């Protein structure tokens, strides 16, 4: 790595290899667990979280062929004892976890090549996600697990964990906490470093003054399609220079995430080349609110506790702003987070305000997520942390960018983006190169 920004453009190429999957089976807790219904929190119950997050986790080998299957299956069964709600089922109205102890879905699979041949999937545009992610059990089996896991062993040099996680029961921090627990059991570490806590009653339910059932929001599917662009930014003088520039002007520190968010939002807007058309642009990211609850949520809580930070600016203002100006907008919005979260938590349910968890969907709203600090990069099943963690695109029409880490051993940031249409892609990449020159 030479310290320059490396741009990887989606080339629509699929690596040629085959994966053979088992039929899959349920892995249940290895000991008896409580069989009780558990209420989900007010945030867990949000309709927007009735979805699955899908990721790939690429690891070096932990033993001879088959060791990853047996080791992780056994560790998973042990982890489901303290994390027994994950072995349960979600109620039809999304308000309760029925702790049935049925288990999570587990698939064993093999690839007919080595990870070295596919370069450990460092170029994520070559990944056949459908082959490496577990298929959902067929409806006639009557199985609807909260977690689905597939372990694909490659020939002699590692494995890929494909994970599908129900967002209603865990946010990213919670899911990573669960995976780290599996890793500790795989390494024979007991008791766990972090004891899981349910603790889903941290917010009072809203006191509804209007009917609880409101008509669903109408969203017409746009006729555009977003293309993938991955941008690798090694830690180098460019990031340091931007931090120093912001400190000089604002007398404040700024984070890597704030710098990247400002660049992505502004430069994406510039690449849209709207000319005299002045549109309302939004940037949305979700902030961890565990410390904003009174009292703060205890260590070990693994549910959803976040709140959207939304920044709004006209396209004219945003396209003409400096990076320092946009960072300042982001920091001002983050400073309002405690008050906005508190107001939302106290609201009477009268729907007097717009739902912050339902921002307008469309090309003018960019969603940004930070994955580098969730804990996925710390999971260790016996031979060190993952080479890298790869999220899957959630929607072909909702603009998203994810700030992650470069694959090991490189140091830096990897921006995984699905946020521009094809005709905006090159201007978008060119504008990033202008800030992080080759």
Protein backbone atom coordinates (compact mmCIF):
# COMPACT_ATOMS: atom_id res chain seq x y z
CA UNK A 1 0.00 0.00 0.00
CA UNK A 2 1.59 3.26 -1.11
CA UNK A 3 -0.45 5.72 0.97
CA UNK A 4 -2.68 6.79 -1.91
CA UNK A 5 -6.44 6.46 -2.25
CA UNK A 6 -7.25 3.33 -4.21
CA UNK A 7 -10.50 3.32 -6.14
CA UNK A 8 -12.15 0.00 -6.93
CA UNK A 9 -15.09 0.25 -9.32
CA UNK A 10 -17.75 -2.41 -9.63
CA UNK A 11 -16.83 -4.45 -12.66
CA UNK A 12 -19.75 -6.90 -12.60
CA UNK A 13 -17.36 -9.85 -12.62
CA UNK A 14 -18.13 -12.97 -10.61
CA UNK A 15 -15.34 -15.25 -9.50
CA UNK A 16 -15.63 -18.76 -10.97
CA UNK A 17 -15.83 -21.39 -8.23
CA UNK A 18 -18.52 -23.57 -6.72
CA UNK A 19 -19.88 -23.97 -3.19
CA UNK A 20 -21.51 -27.16 -1.94
CA UNK A 21 -23.96 -26.61 0.92
CA UNK A 22 -25.48 -28.95 3.48
CA UNK A 23 -29.24 -28.89 3.94
CA UNK A 24 -28.85 -26.94 7.17
CA UNK A 25 -30.09 -27.69 10.67
CA UNK A 26 -30.97 -25.97 13.92
CA UNK A 27 -28.35 -25.48 16.62
CA UNK A 28 -30.02 -25.20 20.01
CA UNK A 29 -28.59 -24.16 23.39
CA UNK A 30 -26.50 -26.97 24.84
CA UNK A 31 -28.26 -26.66 28.22
CA UNK A 32 -31.86 -26.00 29.28
CA UNK A 33 -32.77 -22.32 29.08
CA UNK A 34 -35.74 -20.26 30.34
CA UNK A 35 -38.89 -20.74 28.31
CA UNK A 36 -40.54 -17.36 28.73
CA UNK A 37 -41.77 -14.53 26.53
CA UNK A 38 -39.61 -11.40 26.65
CA UNK A 39 -40.79 -7.94 25.70
CA UNK A 40 -38.77 -6.08 23.10
CA UNK A 41 -37.88 -2.44 23.63
CA UNK A 42 -39.58 0.52 22.06
CA UNK A 43 -36.69 0.83 19.60
CA UNK A 44 -36.59 -2.91 18.84
CA UNK A 45 -40.25 -2.71 17.83
CA UNK A 46 -39.76 -0.05 15.18
CA UNK A 47 -41.14 -1.31 11.85
CA UNK A 48 -37.96 -0.22 10.07
CA UNK A 49 -36.05 -2.89 12.04
CA UNK A 50 -38.20 -5.77 10.83
CA UNK A 51 -35.46 -6.72 8.43
CA UNK A 52 -32.32 -8.83 8.23
CA UNK A 53 -28.72 -7.59 8.17
CA UNK A 54 -26.43 -9.79 6.06
CA UNK A 55 -22.65 -9.87 6.32
CA UNK A 56 -19.63 -11.98 5.40
CA UNK A 57 -16.70 -12.50 7.77
CA UNK A 58 -13.48 -13.81 6.20
CA UNK A 59 -11.08 -15.75 8.47
CA UNK A 60 -7.80 -17.61 8.29
CA UNK A 61 -8.03 -21.33 9.18
CA UNK A 62 -8.53 -22.55 12.76
CA UNK A 63 -7.53 -26.15 12.06
CA UNK A 64 -7.76 -28.89 9.42
CA UNK A 65 -10.69 -29.08 7.02
CA UNK A 66 -13.95 -29.32 8.97
CA UNK A 67 -12.55 -27.73 12.14
CA UNK A 68 -14.42 -24.47 11.57
CA UNK A 69 -17.73 -26.33 11.26
CA UNK A 70 -17.33 -28.34 14.45
CA UNK A 71 -15.64 -25.64 16.51
CA UNK A 72 -18.13 -22.89 15.71
CA UNK A 73 -21.18 -25.17 15.92
CA UNK A 74 -20.16 -26.28 19.42
CA UNK A 75 -19.27 -22.74 20.53
CA UNK A 76 -22.55 -21.44 19.10
CA UNK A 77 -24.50 -24.00 21.11
CA UNK A 78 -22.70 -22.87 24.26
CA UNK A 79 -23.19 -19.17 23.53
CA UNK A 80 -26.93 -19.69 23.08
CA UNK A 81 -27.22 -20.57 26.76
CA UNK A 82 -26.53 -17.02 28.05
CA UNK A 83 -27.93 -15.57 24.79
CA UNK A 84 -30.99 -17.83 24.85
CA UNK A 85 -33.40 -15.18 23.42
CA UNK A 86 -31.53 -15.50 20.09
CA UNK A 87 -32.62 -19.14 19.96
CA UNK A 88 -36.26 -18.05 20.17
CA UNK A 89 -38.76 -16.65 17.72
CA UNK A 90 -40.21 -13.21 17.00
CA UNK A 91 -43.93 -12.74 17.58
CA UNK A 92 -46.11 -11.88 14.59
CA UNK A 93 -46.58 -8.28 15.78
CA UNK A 94 -42.84 -7.81 16.43
CA UNK A 95 -43.26 -6.96 20.12
CA UNK A 96 -42.12 -10.12 21.89
CA UNK A 97 -39.44 -12.77 21.67
CA UNK A 98 -40.85 -16.18 22.49
CA UNK A 99 -37.92 -18.00 24.09
CA UNK A 100 -38.60 -21.41 22.60
CA UNK A 101 -35.00 -22.59 22.60
CA UNK A 102 -35.51 -23.88 19.05
CA UNK A 103 -32.13 -22.57 17.97
CA UNK A 104 -30.45 -20.80 15.08
CA UNK A 105 -30.03 -22.08 11.53
CA UNK A 106 -26.60 -23.51 10.71
CA UNK A 107 -25.29 -24.52 7.29
CA UNK A 108 -22.00 -26.27 6.54
CA UNK A 109 -20.51 -25.71 3.09
CA UNK A 110 -17.32 -26.23 1.12
CA UNK A 111 -15.71 -24.27 -1.71
CA UNK A 112 -13.64 -25.97 -4.40
CA UNK A 113 -10.78 -23.46 -4.23
CA UNK A 114 -8.59 -21.73 -1.70
CA UNK A 115 -9.20 -18.26 -0.30
CA UNK A 116 -5.81 -17.31 -1.69
CA UNK A 117 -7.11 -17.89 -5.21
CA UNK A 118 -9.86 -15.32 -4.65
CA UNK A 119 -7.45 -13.04 -2.72
CA UNK A 120 -9.53 -13.44 0.46
CA UNK A 121 -12.28 -11.45 -1.29
CA UNK A 122 -10.42 -8.20 -0.77
CA UNK A 123 -12.08 -7.03 -3.98
CA UNK A 124 -15.65 -7.24 -2.74
CA UNK A 125 -17.09 -6.75 -6.23
CA UNK A 126 -16.14 -10.35 -7.07
CA UNK A 127 -18.12 -11.97 -4.24
CA UNK A 128 -20.98 -14.40 -5.01
CA UNK A 129 -23.00 -13.45 -1.93
CA UNK A 130 -25.79 -15.94 -2.59
CA UNK A 131 -23.31 -18.83 -2.45
CA UNK A 132 -21.75 -17.70 0.83
CA UNK A 133 -24.88 -16.60 2.73
CA UNK A 134 -27.28 -19.13 4.25
CA UNK A 135 -30.55 -19.71 2.47
CA UNK A 136 -33.65 -19.29 4.60
CA UNK A 137 -35.33 -22.58 5.57
CA UNK A 138 -38.27 -23.39 3.35
CA UNK A 139 -41.68 -22.41 4.64
CA UNK A 140 -42.89 -26.01 4.81
CA UNK A 141 -40.29 -26.64 7.55
CA UNK A 142 -42.04 -24.13 9.80
CA UNK A 143 -38.70 -22.59 10.84
CA UNK A 144 -38.20 -18.84 11.14
CA UNK A 145 -34.93 -18.32 13.08
CA UNK A 146 -33.62 -14.97 14.28
CA UNK A 147 -30.06 -15.88 13.23
CA UNK A 148 -28.84 -17.87 10.23
CA UNK A 149 -25.18 -18.84 9.86
CA UNK A 150 -23.21 -20.52 7.08
CA UNK A 151 -19.59 -21.63 7.47
CA UNK A 152 -17.89 -22.15 4.11
CA UNK A 153 -14.55 -23.96 4.36
CA UNK A 154 -12.08 -23.15 1.59
CA UNK A 155 -9.27 -25.49 0.62
CA UNK A 156 -6.71 -25.34 3.37
CA UNK A 157 -6.45 -21.62 4.08
CA UNK A 158 -9.55 -20.32 5.80
CA UNK A 159 -13.29 -20.00 5.93
CA UNK A 160 -16.06 -17.48 5.43
CA UNK A 161 -18.91 -17.01 7.89
CA UNK A 162 -22.07 -15.82 6.17
CA UNK A 163 -24.42 -14.30 8.71
CA UNK A 164 -28.05 -13.22 8.54
CA UNK A 165 -29.26 -11.43 11.68
CA UNK A 166 -32.73 -10.17 12.57
CA UNK A 167 -32.24 -6.45 13.27
CA UNK A 168 -35.20 -6.35 15.67
CA UNK A 169 -33.24 -8.16 18.37
CA UNK A 170 -29.74 -6.65 18.04
CA UNK A 171 -28.03 -3.61 16.61
CA UNK A 172 -24.51 -3.84 15.21
CA UNK A 173 -22.88 -3.54 18.63
CA UNK A 174 -25.13 -6.27 20.00
CA UNK A 175 -24.53 -8.65 17.09
CA UNK A 176 -20.77 -8.18 17.43
CA UNK A 177 -21.03 -8.86 21.18
CA UNK A 178 -22.75 -12.17 20.43
CA UNK A 179 -20.11 -13.18 17.85
CA UNK A 180 -17.34 -12.31 20.30
CA UNK A 181 -19.01 -14.58 22.84
CA UNK A 182 -18.99 -17.44 20.32
CA UNK A 183 -15.31 -16.69 19.73
CA UNK A 184 -14.53 -16.88 23.45
CA UNK A 185 -16.28 -20.24 23.78
CA UNK A 186 -14.39 -21.46 20.70
CA UNK A 187 -11.16 -20.51 22.47
CA UNK A 188 -12.29 -22.20 25.71
CA UNK A 189 -12.57 -18.90 27.58
CA UNK A 190 -15.20 -19.18 30.31
CA UNK A 191 -16.72 -17.20 31.96
CA UNK A 192 -17.40 -14.73 29.19
CA UNK A 193 -15.66 -11.35 29.24
CA UNK A 194 -19.06 -9.66 28.88
CA UNK A 195 -22.20 -11.05 30.51
CA UNK A 196 -25.22 -10.47 28.24
CA UNK A 197 -28.12 -8.45 29.66
CA UNK A 198 -31.62 -8.23 28.17
CA UNK A 199 -32.65 -4.94 29.84
CA UNK A 200 -35.19 -3.94 27.16
CA UNK A 201 -37.33 -1.75 29.46
CA UNK A 202 -35.01 1.25 29.34
CA UNK A 203 -37.56 3.47 27.58
CA UNK A 204 -41.19 3.92 28.59
CA UNK A 205 -43.72 2.98 25.91
CA UNK A 206 -45.35 5.98 24.25
CA UNK A 207 -48.67 7.07 25.71
CA UNK A 208 -50.66 6.92 22.53
CA UNK A 209 -53.27 9.62 22.04
CA UNK A 210 -54.05 8.49 18.51
CA UNK A 211 -54.81 5.00 17.19
CA UNK A 212 -51.81 2.70 17.40
CA UNK A 213 -52.21 1.53 13.83
CA UNK A 214 -51.48 4.19 11.25
CA UNK A 215 -51.65 3.71 7.49
CA UNK A 216 -48.28 2.62 6.11
CA UNK A 217 -46.14 5.23 4.43
CA UNK A 218 -46.38 5.15 0.65
CA UNK A 219 -43.03 4.75 -1.09
CA UNK A 220 -42.95 4.50 -4.85
CA UNK A 221 -39.94 2.50 -5.99
CA UNK A 222 -37.66 4.80 -8.00
CA UNK A 223 -36.69 3.82 -11.52
CA UNK A 224 -32.95 4.27 -10.96
CA UNK A 225 -30.35 1.70 -9.92
CA UNK A 226 -27.39 2.41 -7.64
CA UNK A 227 -23.94 1.11 -8.54
CA UNK A 228 -21.22 0.01 -6.18
CA UNK A 229 -17.97 1.90 -5.68
CA UNK A 230 -15.40 1.01 -3.02
CA UNK A 231 -12.85 3.58 -1.96
CA UNK A 232 -9.79 2.61 0.09
CA UNK A 233 -8.15 5.38 2.10
CA UNK A 234 -4.97 4.40 3.96
CA UNK A 235 -4.18 6.37 7.10
CA UNK A 236 -1.91 9.06 5.72
CA UNK A 237 -1.06 12.73 5.64
CA UNK A 238 -4.29 13.70 3.85
CA UNK A 239 -6.49 12.78 6.81
CA UNK A 240 -4.06 14.48 9.21
CA UNK A 241 -4.02 17.61 7.07
CA UNK A 242 -7.80 17.87 7.07
CA UNK A 243 -7.90 17.43 10.86
CA UNK A 244 -5.31 20.16 11.30
CA UNK A 245 -7.20 22.47 8.95
CA UNK A 246 -10.41 21.97 10.91
CA UNK A 247 -8.61 22.57 14.22
CA UNK A 248 -7.07 25.78 12.90
CA UNK A 249 -10.41 27.19 11.75
CA UNK A 250 -12.75 25.85 14.45
CA UNK A 251 -10.44 25.28 17.45
CA UNK A 252 -12.05 21.86 17.77
CA UNK A 253 -11.07 18.28 17.06
CA UNK A 254 -12.85 16.19 14.46
CA UNK A 255 -12.95 12.44 13.88
CA UNK A 256 -12.08 10.33 10.85
CA UNK A 257 -15.77 9.52 10.49
CA UNK A 258 -16.75 13.21 10.43
CA UNK A 259 -14.16 13.92 7.74
CA UNK A 260 -15.30 11.01 5.59
CA UNK A 261 -18.97 11.86 6.09
CA UNK A 262 -18.38 15.47 5.05
CA UNK A 263 -16.42 14.46 1.94
CA UNK A 264 -18.92 11.83 0.84
CA UNK A 265 -22.00 14.00 1.33
CA UNK A 266 -20.56 17.13 -0.31
CA UNK A 267 -18.77 15.42 -3.18
CA UNK A 268 -21.71 13.17 -3.98
CA UNK A 269 -23.90 16.27 -4.22
CA UNK A 270 -21.35 17.95 -6.48
CA UNK A 271 -21.22 14.88 -8.73
CA UNK A 272 -25.00 15.10 -9.28
CA UNK A 273 -24.36 18.33 -11.24
CA UNK A 274 -27.77 19.84 -10.47
CA UNK A 275 -26.90 23.22 -11.99
CA UNK A 276 -29.56 25.79 -11.18
CA UNK A 277 -31.87 23.19 -9.64
CA UNK A 278 -31.76 23.62 -5.85
CA UNK A 279 -32.85 20.51 -3.95
CA UNK A 280 -33.00 19.62 -0.27
CA UNK A 281 -30.22 17.15 0.54
CA UNK A 282 -30.12 15.01 3.68
CA UNK A 283 -27.38 13.05 5.41
CA UNK A 284 -28.54 10.44 7.93
CA UNK A 285 -26.43 8.31 10.27
CA UNK A 286 -27.34 6.42 13.41
CA UNK A 287 -25.67 7.26 16.71
CA UNK A 288 -25.24 4.89 19.66
CA UNK A 289 -27.40 6.22 22.52
CA UNK A 290 -26.47 3.79 25.30
CA UNK A 291 -24.94 6.61 27.35
CA UNK A 292 -27.92 8.94 26.77
CA UNK A 293 -30.33 6.70 28.64
CA UNK A 294 -30.83 7.58 32.32
CA UNK A 295 -29.17 5.69 33.89
CA UNK A 296 -26.82 4.66 31.06
CA UNK A 297 -27.38 1.16 29.76
CA UNK A 298 -25.18 -1.45 31.46
CA UNK A 299 -22.31 -3.18 29.78
CA UNK A 300 -23.63 -6.35 28.21
CA UNK A 301 -26.82 -4.86 26.77
CA UNK A 302 -27.17 -6.21 23.25
CA UNK A 303 -30.41 -4.75 21.95
CA UNK A 304 -31.06 -1.77 19.70
CA UNK A 305 -30.26 1.62 21.17
CA UNK A 306 -29.53 4.23 18.54
CA UNK A 307 -31.09 7.37 17.10
CA UNK A 308 -30.84 8.96 13.65
CA UNK A 309 -28.77 12.11 13.26
CA UNK A 310 -30.15 14.00 10.26
CA UNK A 311 -28.42 16.97 8.62
CA UNK A 312 -30.24 18.99 5.98
CA UNK A 313 -28.83 21.50 3.50
CA UNK A 314 -29.74 22.83 0.09
CA UNK A 315 -27.79 21.30 -2.77
CA UNK A 316 -26.52 24.77 -3.71
CA UNK A 317 -25.16 25.41 -0.21
CA UNK A 318 -23.71 21.94 0.17
CA UNK A 319 -22.00 21.79 -3.22
CA UNK A 320 -20.32 25.16 -2.59
CA UNK A 321 -19.28 24.47 1.00
CA UNK A 322 -15.76 23.70 2.18
CA UNK A 323 -15.02 20.41 3.96
CA UNK A 324 -14.57 22.40 7.16
CA UNK A 325 -18.04 23.91 6.74
CA UNK A 326 -19.65 20.50 6.27
CA UNK A 327 -17.80 18.99 9.25
CA UNK A 328 -19.16 21.87 11.30
CA UNK A 329 -22.72 21.06 10.13
CA UNK A 330 -22.23 17.44 11.19
CA UNK A 331 -20.86 18.35 14.61
CA UNK A 332 -23.71 20.80 15.23
CA UNK A 333 -26.23 18.07 14.42
CA UNK A 334 -24.45 15.61 16.74
CA UNK A 335 -24.53 18.21 19.52
CA UNK A 336 -28.35 18.28 19.22
CA UNK A 337 -28.57 14.49 19.62
CA UNK A 338 -29.10 14.31 23.43
CA UNK A 339 -31.99 16.76 23.33
CA UNK A 340 -33.60 15.22 20.25
CA UNK A 341 -33.31 11.69 21.64
CA UNK A 342 -34.76 12.82 24.97
CA UNK A 343 -37.66 14.59 23.25
CA UNK A 344 -38.43 11.49 21.19
CA UNK A 345 -38.25 9.24 24.26
CA UNK A 346 -40.73 11.48 26.12
CA UNK A 347 -43.16 12.07 23.27
CA UNK A 348 -46.76 11.14 23.95
CA UNK A 349 -47.21 9.28 20.70
CA UNK A 350 -49.45 11.97 19.25
CA UNK A 351 -47.41 11.97 16.02
CA UNK A 352 -47.06 15.75 16.20
CA UNK A 353 -43.60 15.55 14.70
CA UNK A 354 -42.18 13.70 11.76
CA UNK A 355 -40.92 10.24 12.64
CA UNK A 356 -37.11 10.60 12.92
CA UNK A 357 -36.73 6.91 12.10
CA UNK A 358 -38.52 7.39 8.78
CA UNK A 359 -36.58 10.05 6.85
CA UNK A 360 -37.57 10.63 3.24
CA UNK A 361 -36.30 7.88 0.98
CA UNK A 362 -34.90 8.75 -2.41
CA UNK A 363 -31.81 9.87 -4.24
CA UNK A 364 -31.47 13.10 -2.21
CA UNK A 365 -31.00 11.25 1.12
CA UNK A 366 -27.66 9.58 1.85
CA UNK A 367 -27.46 7.03 4.67
CA UNK A 368 -24.05 6.53 6.26
CA UNK A 369 -22.95 3.81 8.71
CA UNK A 370 -19.74 3.38 10.67
CA UNK A 371 -18.70 -0.25 11.08
CA UNK A 372 -15.11 0.07 12.25
CA UNK A 373 -16.00 0.40 15.94
CA UNK A 374 -18.82 -2.12 16.26
CA UNK A 375 -16.56 -4.99 17.37
CA UNK A 376 -16.82 -7.32 14.35
CA UNK A 377 -13.11 -6.83 13.65
CA UNK A 378 -12.23 -8.18 17.12
CA UNK A 379 -13.95 -11.58 16.82
CA UNK A 380 -11.50 -14.48 17.16
CA UNK A 381 -12.45 -18.14 16.73
CA UNK A 382 -8.95 -19.40 17.40
CA UNK A 383 -6.57 -17.91 14.85
CA UNK A 384 -6.96 -14.17 15.17
CA UNK A 385 -9.49 -11.59 14.00
CA UNK A 386 -11.08 -11.63 10.54
CA UNK A 387 -9.19 -10.61 7.44
CA UNK A 388 -12.15 -8.34 6.84
CA UNK A 389 -15.91 -7.96 7.30
CA UNK A 390 -18.15 -7.34 4.31
CA UNK A 391 -21.71 -5.98 4.52
CA UNK A 392 -24.17 -6.74 1.74
CA UNK A 393 -26.09 -4.04 -0.10
CA UNK A 394 -29.47 -3.61 1.53
CA UNK A 395 -31.43 -1.90 -1.24
CA UNK A 396 -30.84 -1.12 -4.92
CA UNK A 397 -32.48 2.32 -4.59
CA UNK A 398 -31.62 3.67 -1.10
CA UNK A 399 -28.24 5.48 -1.23
CA UNK A 400 -25.91 4.03 1.39
CA UNK A 401 -22.23 4.32 2.30
CA UNK A 402 -20.49 2.24 4.97
CA UNK A 403 -17.23 3.27 6.63
CA UNK A 404 -15.25 0.16 7.52
CA UNK A 405 -11.64 -0.94 7.86
CA UNK A 406 -9.19 -2.02 5.20
CA UNK A 407 -8.60 -5.79 5.03
CA UNK A 408 -5.74 -6.93 7.25
CA UNK A 409 -2.84 -6.29 7.36
CA UNK A 410 -3.39 -2.87 5.79
CA UNK A 411 -4.30 0.08 7.99
CA UNK A 412 -6.91 2.57 6.95
CA UNK A 413 -10.53 3.04 5.95
CA UNK A 414 -12.58 1.24 3.35
CA UNK A 415 -15.66 3.07 2.09
CA UNK A 416 -18.22 0.68 0.66
CA UNK A 417 -20.77 2.73 -1.26
CA UNK A 418 -23.99 2.12 -3.14
CA UNK A 419 -24.95 5.76 -3.45
CA UNK A 420 -24.76 6.97 -7.05
CA UNK A 421 -26.26 6.10 -10.39
CA UNK A 422 -23.95 4.94 -13.14
CA UNK A 423 -23.75 8.31 -14.91
CA UNK A 424 -22.73 10.00 -11.63
CA UNK A 425 -20.11 7.40 -10.72
CA UNK A 426 -17.04 8.77 -12.50
CA UNK A 427 -17.56 12.40 -11.39
CA UNK A 428 -18.04 11.09 -7.85
CA UNK A 429 -14.80 9.08 -7.92
CA UNK A 430 -12.86 11.89 -9.60
CA UNK A 431 -13.93 14.29 -6.86
CA UNK A 432 -12.70 11.90 -4.16
CA UNK A 433 -9.35 11.50 -5.96
CA UNK A 434 -9.01 15.30 -5.94
CA UNK A 435 -8.95 15.18 -2.11
CA UNK A 436 -6.88 12.00 -1.78
CA UNK A 437 -4.64 12.24 -4.87
CA UNK A 438 -2.80 9.24 -6.21
